[in-house]
Amino acid sequence: MDSPKSDRPTGRAAVRRAVLGTARRIFAARGPRAPLREVADAAEVNLGLIHRHVGNKDDLLAAVLDQGLRHGSARLDGYDDAGAAIRSMLLGATDNPDFSRLLVWLSLDPGAVGRPVLDASTRPAQAVARMTDPPPVDTLHLALALTTVYAWPVLREQILDVLEFTEDAREDVDARMADLVARVVTGSGAESTTEGDEV
């Protein structure tokens, strides 16, 4: 009689992939103080495998954030247009809001991490700040755009509900928001609005 095939990850690469994906979802939903045991159970791996293949909780948080930053940086490859880059970042963040949620958790509870887990030099924001065709208007415009990139995925539904957006008005709202933020960061037509941008 054949035994049922196990879906448990085996091998270093499979364990890391399962642990990082699971940790991203759990830490985004429950915050960085979620127990490592919960991550291990949900990823269907032994807690010792997390320690062997990733490290302690700070190492795991750093790996999850590094993976998110690398994904964000990869979205910017080939861009020199700050507006197009910010647009891509916002659409990527709304498609995968876990990274933004985790950043919010870490901002609200900085004591949850025993050491710095982000290397500032790898942040996509640094790449956007250096773009030249066209560049950001200034650092304040870039700060506003980045605030939108990281806050919109977390607060999107509440904002749309408070402003009583109908289902029809919600159609393509992320793309319209991305277009608006792209105009703000480069100053190109920031004073104009497109149809549907009015509240």
C-alpha atoms as a PDB file:
ATOM      1  CA  MET A   1       0.000   0.000   0.000  1.00  0.00           C
ATOM      2  CA  ASP A   2       1.358   3.392  -0.976  1.00  0.00           C
ATOM      3  CA  SER A   3       1.665   5.934   1.796  1.00  0.00           C
ATOM      4  CA  PRO A   4       0.145   9.369   1.130  1.00  0.00           C
ATOM      5  CA  LYS A   5       2.581  11.816  -0.393  1.00  0.00           C
ATOM      6  CA  SER A   6       3.685  14.489   2.053  1.00  0.00           C
ATOM      7  CA  ASP A   7       3.401  18.113   0.955  1.00  0.00           C
ATOM      8  CA  ARG A   8       5.917  19.134   3.578  1.00  0.00           C
ATOM      9  CA  PRO A   9       8.836  21.071   2.126  1.00  0.00           C
ATOM     10  CA  THR A  10      12.117  19.183   2.029  1.00  0.00           C
ATOM     11  CA  GLY A  11      15.557  20.467   1.212  1.00  0.00           C
ATOM     12  CA  ARG A  12      17.067  23.826   2.082  1.00  0.00           C
ATOM     13  CA  ALA A  13      15.572  25.786  -0.841  1.00  0.00           C
ATOM     14  CA  ALA A  14      12.044  24.413  -0.380  1.00  0.00           C
ATOM     15  CA  VAL A  15      12.137  24.967   3.394  1.00  0.00           C
ATOM     16  CA  ARG A  16      13.367  28.563   2.995  1.00  0.00           C
ATOM     17  CA  ARG A  17      10.733  29.295   0.329  1.00  0.00           C
ATOM     18  CA  ALA A  18       7.925  27.874   2.500  1.00  0.00           C
ATOM     19  CA  VAL A  19       9.145  29.584   5.665  1.00  0.00           C
ATOM     20  CA  LEU A  20       9.660  33.013   4.044  1.00  0.00           C
ATOM     21  CA  GLY A  21       6.263  32.973   2.315  1.00  0.00           C
ATOM     22  CA  THR A  22       4.489  31.829   5.453  1.00  0.00           C
ATOM     23  CA  ALA A  23       6.363  34.279   7.690  1.00  0.00           C
ATOM     24  CA  ARG A  24       5.503  37.170   5.350  1.00  0.00           C
ATOM     25  CA  ARG A  25       1.785  36.353   5.594  1.00  0.00           C
ATOM     26  CA  ILE A  26       1.781  35.739   9.362  1.00  0.00           C
ATOM     27  CA  PHE A  27       3.921  38.759  10.288  1.00  0.00           C
ATOM     28  CA  ALA A  28       1.828  40.975   7.983  1.00  0.00           C
ATOM     29  CA  ALA A  29      -1.397  39.773   9.609  1.00  0.00           C
ATOM     30  CA  ARG A  30      -0.309  39.497  13.259  1.00  0.00           C
ATOM     31  CA  GLY A  31       2.810  41.608  13.534  1.00  0.00           C
ATOM     32  CA  PRO A  32       6.456  40.799  14.161  1.00  0.00           C
ATOM     33  CA  ARG A  33       5.730  39.437  17.627  1.00  0.00           C
ATOM     34  CA  ALA A  34       3.889  36.433  16.177  1.00  0.00           C
ATOM     35  CA  PRO A  35       5.590  33.309  17.558  1.00  0.00           C
ATOM     36  CA  LEU A  36       8.179  31.535  15.444  1.00  0.00           C
ATOM     37  CA  ARG A  37       6.426  28.280  16.365  1.00  0.00           C
ATOM     38  CA  GLU A  38       3.306  29.556  14.545  1.00  0.00           C
ATOM     39  CA  VAL A  39       5.375  30.171  11.419  1.00  0.00           C
ATOM     40  CA  ALA A  40       6.905  26.691  11.643  1.00  0.00           C
ATOM     41  CA  ASP A  41       3.519  25.012  12.110  1.00  0.00           C
ATOM     42  CA  ALA A  42       1.891  26.929   9.245  1.00  0.00           C
ATOM     43  CA  ALA A  43       4.859  26.240   6.939  1.00  0.00           C
ATOM     44  CA  GLU A  44       4.743  22.566   7.988  1.00  0.00           C
ATOM     45  CA  VAL A  45       8.371  22.506   9.027  1.00  0.00           C
ATOM     46  CA  ASN A  46      10.149  21.699  12.244  1.00  0.00           C
ATOM     47  CA  LEU A  47      11.124  24.777  14.264  1.00  0.00           C
ATOM     48  CA  GLY A  48      14.724  23.563  14.150  1.00  0.00           C
ATOM     49  CA  LEU A  49      14.692  23.802  10.360  1.00  0.00           C
ATOM     50  CA  ILE A  50      13.887  27.511  10.587  1.00  0.00           C
ATOM     51  CA  HIS A  51      16.869  27.997  12.893  1.00  0.00           C
ATOM     52  CA  ARG A  52      19.102  25.892  10.608  1.00  0.00           C
ATOM     53  CA  HIS A  53      18.070  27.406   7.259  1.00  0.00           C
ATOM     54  CA  VAL A  54      17.116  30.981   8.235  1.00  0.00           C
ATOM     55  CA  GLY A  55      18.166  31.749  11.807  1.00  0.00           C
ATOM     56  CA  ASN A  56      16.345  33.407  14.712  1.00  0.00           C
ATOM     57  CA  LYS A  57      13.243  35.614  14.441  1.00  0.00           C
ATOM     58  CA  ASP A  58      15.240  38.772  13.656  1.00  0.00           C
ATOM     59  CA  ASP A  59      17.030  36.858  10.898  1.00  0.00           C
ATOM     60  CA  LEU A  60      13.673  35.679   9.561  1.00  0.00           C
ATOM     61  CA  LEU A  61      12.213  39.204   9.596  1.00  0.00           C
ATOM     62  CA  ALA A  62      15.337  40.510   7.866  1.00  0.00           C
ATOM     63  CA  ALA A  63      15.059  37.780   5.205  1.00  0.00           C
ATOM     64  CA  VAL A  64      11.352  38.531   4.618  1.00  0.00           C
ATOM     65  CA  LEU A  65      12.037  42.261   4.302  1.00  0.00           C
ATOM     66  CA  ASP A  66      15.062  41.667   2.087  1.00  0.00           C
ATOM     67  CA  GLN A  67      12.950  39.483  -0.200  1.00  0.00           C
ATOM     68  CA  GLY A  68      10.324  42.252  -0.422  1.00  0.00           C
ATOM     69  CA  LEU A  69      12.952  44.903  -1.131  1.00  0.00           C
ATOM     70  CA  ARG A  70      14.589  42.756  -3.815  1.00  0.00           C
ATOM     71  CA  HIS A  71      11.184  42.211  -5.417  1.00  0.00           C
ATOM     72  CA  GLY A  72      10.503  45.966  -5.288  1.00  0.00           C
ATOM     73  CA  SER A  73      13.929  46.784  -6.694  1.00  0.00           C
ATOM     74  CA  ALA A  74      13.451  44.266  -9.505  1.00  0.00           C
ATOM     75  CA  ARG A  75      10.243  46.090 -10.493  1.00  0.00           C
ATOM     76  CA  LEU A  76      12.354  49.202 -11.044  1.00  0.00           C
ATOM     77  CA  ASP A  77      14.941  47.618 -13.346  1.00  0.00           C
ATOM     78  CA  GLY A  78      15.104  49.555 -16.581  1.00  0.00           C
ATOM     79  CA  TYR A  79      13.337  52.651 -15.230  1.00  0.00           C
ATOM     80  CA  ASP A  80      14.887  56.106 -15.196  1.00  0.00           C
ATOM     81  CA  ASP A  81      11.476  57.840 -15.056  1.00  0.00           C
ATOM     82  CA  ALA A  82      10.638  58.510 -11.399  1.00  0.00           C
ATOM     83  CA  GLY A  83       6.909  58.741 -12.147  1.00  0.00           C
ATOM     84  CA  ALA A  84       6.788  55.422 -13.986  1.00  0.00           C
ATOM     85  CA  ALA A  85       8.838  53.813 -11.216  1.00  0.00           C
ATOM     86  CA  ILE A  86       6.514  55.088  -8.468  1.00  0.00           C
ATOM     87  CA  ARG A  87       3.517  53.960 -10.521  1.00  0.00           C
ATOM     88  CA  SER A  88       5.013  50.466 -10.775  1.00  0.00           C
ATOM     89  CA  MET A  89       5.803  50.426  -7.050  1.00  0.00           C
ATOM     90  CA  LEU A  90       2.241  51.396  -6.091  1.00  0.00           C
ATOM     91  CA  LEU A  91       0.669  48.790  -8.368  1.00  0.00           C
ATOM     92  CA  GLY A  92       3.061  46.147  -7.050  1.00  0.00           C
ATOM     93  CA  ALA A  93       2.304  47.102  -3.457  1.00  0.00           C
ATOM     94  CA  THR A  94      -1.455  46.903  -3.999  1.00  0.00           C
ATOM     95  CA  ASP A  95      -1.074  43.497  -5.654  1.00  0.00           C
ATOM     96  CA  ASN A  96       0.999  42.236  -2.689  1.00  0.00           C
ATOM     97  CA  PRO A  97       0.106  44.293   0.408  1.00  0.00           C
ATOM     98  CA  ASP A  98       1.881  42.046   2.939  1.00  0.00           C
ATOM     99  CA  PHE A  99       5.157  43.979   2.678  1.00  0.00           C
ATOM    100  CA  SER A 100       3.411  47.291   3.386  1.00  0.00           C
ATOM    101  CA  ARG A 101       1.499  45.782   6.306  1.00  0.00           C
ATOM    102  CA  LEU A 102       4.708  44.424   7.805  1.00  0.00           C
ATOM    103  CA  LEU A 103       6.399  47.830   7.477  1.00  0.00           C
ATOM    104  CA  VAL A 104       3.457  49.403   9.313  1.00  0.00           C
ATOM    105  CA  TRP A 105       3.709  46.813  12.097  1.00  0.00           C
ATOM    106  CA  LEU A 106       7.440  47.451  12.447  1.00  0.00           C
ATOM    107  CA  SER A 107       6.843  51.212  12.523  1.00  0.00           C
ATOM    108  CA  LEU A 108       4.217  50.861  15.253  1.00  0.00           C
ATOM    109  CA  ASP A 109       6.215  48.360  17.306  1.00  0.00           C
ATOM    110  CA  PRO A 110       9.932  49.030  16.745  1.00  0.00           C
ATOM    111  CA  GLY A 111      10.792  47.194  19.973  1.00  0.00           C
ATOM    112  CA  ALA A 112       9.614  43.924  18.424  1.00  0.00           C
ATOM    113  CA  VAL A 113      12.931  43.592  16.606  1.00  0.00           C
ATOM    114  CA  GLY A 114      16.223  43.253  18.438  1.00  0.00           C
ATOM    115  CA  ARG A 115      18.366  44.823  15.702  1.00  0.00           C
ATOM    116  CA  PRO A 116      17.976  46.819  12.490  1.00  0.00           C
ATOM    117  CA  VAL A 117      16.566  44.538   9.805  1.00  0.00           C
ATOM    118  CA  LEU A 118      16.705  46.838   6.764  1.00  0.00           C
ATOM    119  CA  ASP A 119      19.747  48.010   4.844  1.00  0.00           C
ATOM    120  CA  ALA A 120      18.884  51.528   3.656  1.00  0.00           C
ATOM    121  CA  SER A 121      21.112  51.230   0.600  1.00  0.00           C
ATOM    122  CA  THR A 122      18.910  48.476  -0.869  1.00  0.00           C
ATOM    123  CA  ARG A 123      15.644  50.374  -0.631  1.00  0.00           C
ATOM    124  CA  PRO A 124      13.805  51.047  -3.895  1.00  0.00           C
ATOM    125  CA  ALA A 125      13.191  54.621  -2.714  1.00  0.00           C
ATOM    126  CA  GLN A 126      16.919  55.323  -3.085  1.00  0.00           C
ATOM    127  CA  ALA A 127      16.771  54.160  -6.698  1.00  0.00           C
ATOM    128  CA  VAL A 128      13.774  56.413  -7.435  1.00  0.00           C
ATOM    129  CA  ALA A 129      15.538  59.390  -5.833  1.00  0.00           C
ATOM    130  CA  ARG A 130      18.411  58.947  -8.320  1.00  0.00           C
ATOM    131  CA  MET A 131      16.224  58.755 -11.455  1.00  0.00           C
ATOM    132  CA  THR A 132      16.694  61.546 -13.981  1.00  0.00           C
ATOM    133  CA  ASP A 133      14.284  61.214 -16.937  1.00  0.00           C
ATOM    134  CA  PRO A 134      12.279  62.856 -15.384  1.00  0.00           C
ATOM    135  CA  PRO A 135      13.519  63.025 -11.809  1.00  0.00           C
ATOM    136  CA  PRO A 136      11.418  63.555  -8.702  1.00  0.00           C
ATOM    137  CA  VAL A 137      10.522  67.249  -8.287  1.00  0.00           C
ATOM    138  CA  ASP A 138      12.153  67.227  -4.859  1.00  0.00           C
ATOM    139  CA  THR A 139      12.426  65.050  -1.761  1.00  0.00           C
ATOM    140  CA  LEU A 140       9.119  66.302  -0.351  1.00  0.00           C
ATOM    141  CA  HIS A 141       7.206  65.199  -3.461  1.00  0.00           C
ATOM    142  CA  LEU A 142       9.043  61.870  -3.297  1.00  0.00           C
ATOM    143  CA  ALA A 143       8.185  61.520   0.403  1.00  0.00           C
ATOM    144  CA  LEU A 144       4.499  62.093  -0.364  1.00  0.00           C
ATOM    145  CA  ALA A 145       4.604  59.546  -3.172  1.00  0.00           C
ATOM    146  CA  LEU A 146       6.362  56.942  -1.019  1.00  0.00           C
ATOM    147  CA  THR A 147       3.888  57.497   1.793  1.00  0.00           C
ATOM    148  CA  THR A 148       1.126  56.703  -0.675  1.00  0.00           C
ATOM    149  CA  VAL A 149       2.975  53.645  -2.033  1.00  0.00           C
ATOM    150  CA  TYR A 150       3.331  52.101   1.419  1.00  0.00           C
ATOM    151  CA  ALA A 151       0.103  53.328   3.061  1.00  0.00           C
ATOM    152  CA  TRP A 152      -2.401  52.820   0.228  1.00  0.00           C
ATOM    153  CA  PRO A 153      -2.299  48.999   0.276  1.00  0.00           C
ATOM    154  CA  VAL A 154      -2.938  48.985   4.025  1.00  0.00           C
ATOM    155  CA  LEU A 155      -5.626  51.687   4.206  1.00  0.00           C
ATOM    156  CA  ARG A 156      -7.189  51.341   0.746  1.00  0.00           C
ATOM    157  CA  GLU A 157     -10.477  49.689   1.691  1.00  0.00           C
ATOM    158  CA  GLN A 158     -11.095  51.921   4.718  1.00  0.00           C
ATOM    159  CA  ILE A 159     -10.415  55.078   2.700  1.00  0.00           C
ATOM    160  CA  LEU A 160     -12.691  53.984  -0.137  1.00  0.00           C
ATOM    161  CA  ASP A 161     -15.429  53.085   2.372  1.00  0.00           C
ATOM    162  CA  VAL A 162     -15.142  56.400   4.254  1.00  0.00           C
ATOM    163  CA  LEU A 163     -15.308  58.319   0.981  1.00  0.00           C
ATOM    164  CA  GLU A 164     -18.278  56.158  -0.091  1.00  0.00           C
ATOM    165  CA  PHE A 165     -16.751  55.009  -3.356  1.00  0.00           C
ATOM    166  CA  THR A 166     -19.310  52.934  -5.246  1.00  0.00           C
ATOM    167  CA  GLU A 167     -18.325  49.631  -6.825  1.00  0.00           C
ATOM    168  CA  ASP A 168     -18.205  51.372 -10.212  1.00  0.00           C
ATOM    169  CA  ALA A 169     -15.929  54.117  -8.842  1.00  0.00           C
ATOM    170  CA  ARG A 170     -13.602  51.444  -7.381  1.00  0.00           C
ATOM    171  CA  GLU A 171     -12.956  49.966 -10.803  1.00  0.00           C
ATOM    172  CA  ASP A 172      -9.384  50.740 -11.825  1.00  0.00           C
ATOM    173  CA  VAL A 173      -8.938  52.903  -8.706  1.00  0.00           C
ATOM    174  CA  ASP A 174      -5.434  51.509  -8.120  1.00  0.00           C
ATOM    175  CA  ALA A 175      -4.326  52.405 -11.644  1.00  0.00           C
ATOM    176  CA  ARG A 176      -5.849  55.880 -11.322  1.00  0.00           C
ATOM    177  CA  MET A 177      -4.153  56.371  -7.945  1.00  0.00           C
ATOM    178  CA  ALA A 178      -0.853  55.191  -9.441  1.00  0.00           C
ATOM    179  CA  ASP A 179      -1.209  57.679 -12.315  1.00  0.00           C
ATOM    180  CA  LEU A 180      -1.914  60.513  -9.881  1.00  0.00           C
ATOM    181  CA  VAL A 181       1.055  59.657  -7.648  1.00  0.00           C
ATOM    182  CA  ALA A 182       3.311  59.427 -10.723  1.00  0.00           C
ATOM    183  CA  ARG A 183       2.271  62.968 -11.681  1.00  0.00           C
ATOM    184  CA  VAL A 184       2.881  64.219  -8.143  1.00  0.00           C
ATOM    185  CA  VAL A 185       6.402  62.799  -7.896  1.00  0.00           C
ATOM    186  CA  THR A 186       7.550  64.331 -11.196  1.00  0.00           C
ATOM    187  CA  GLY A 187       5.407  67.459 -11.089  1.00  0.00           C
ATOM    188  CA  SER A 188       4.052  66.685 -14.549  1.00  0.00           C
ATOM    189  CA  GLY A 189       0.480  67.871 -14.701  1.00  0.00           C
ATOM    190  CA  ALA A 190       0.061  67.510 -10.955  1.00  0.00           C
ATOM    191  CA  GLU A 191      -2.498  70.315 -10.995  1.00  0.00           C
ATOM    192  CA  SER A 192      -4.806  68.469 -13.403  1.00  0.00           C
ATOM    193  CA  THR A 193      -7.102  65.591 -12.590  1.00  0.00           C
ATOM    194  CA  THR A 194      -8.427  62.809 -14.751  1.00  0.00           C
ATOM    195  CA  GLU A 195     -12.069  61.868 -14.908  1.00  0.00           C
ATOM    196  CA  GLY A 196     -13.050  59.998 -11.754  1.00  0.00           C
ATOM    197  CA  ASP A 197     -10.353  61.529  -9.538  1.00  0.00           C
ATOM    198  CA  GLU A 198     -12.796  63.914  -7.936  1.00  0.00           C
ATOM    199  CA  VAL A 199     -14.369  62.921  -4.621  1.00  0.00           C
END
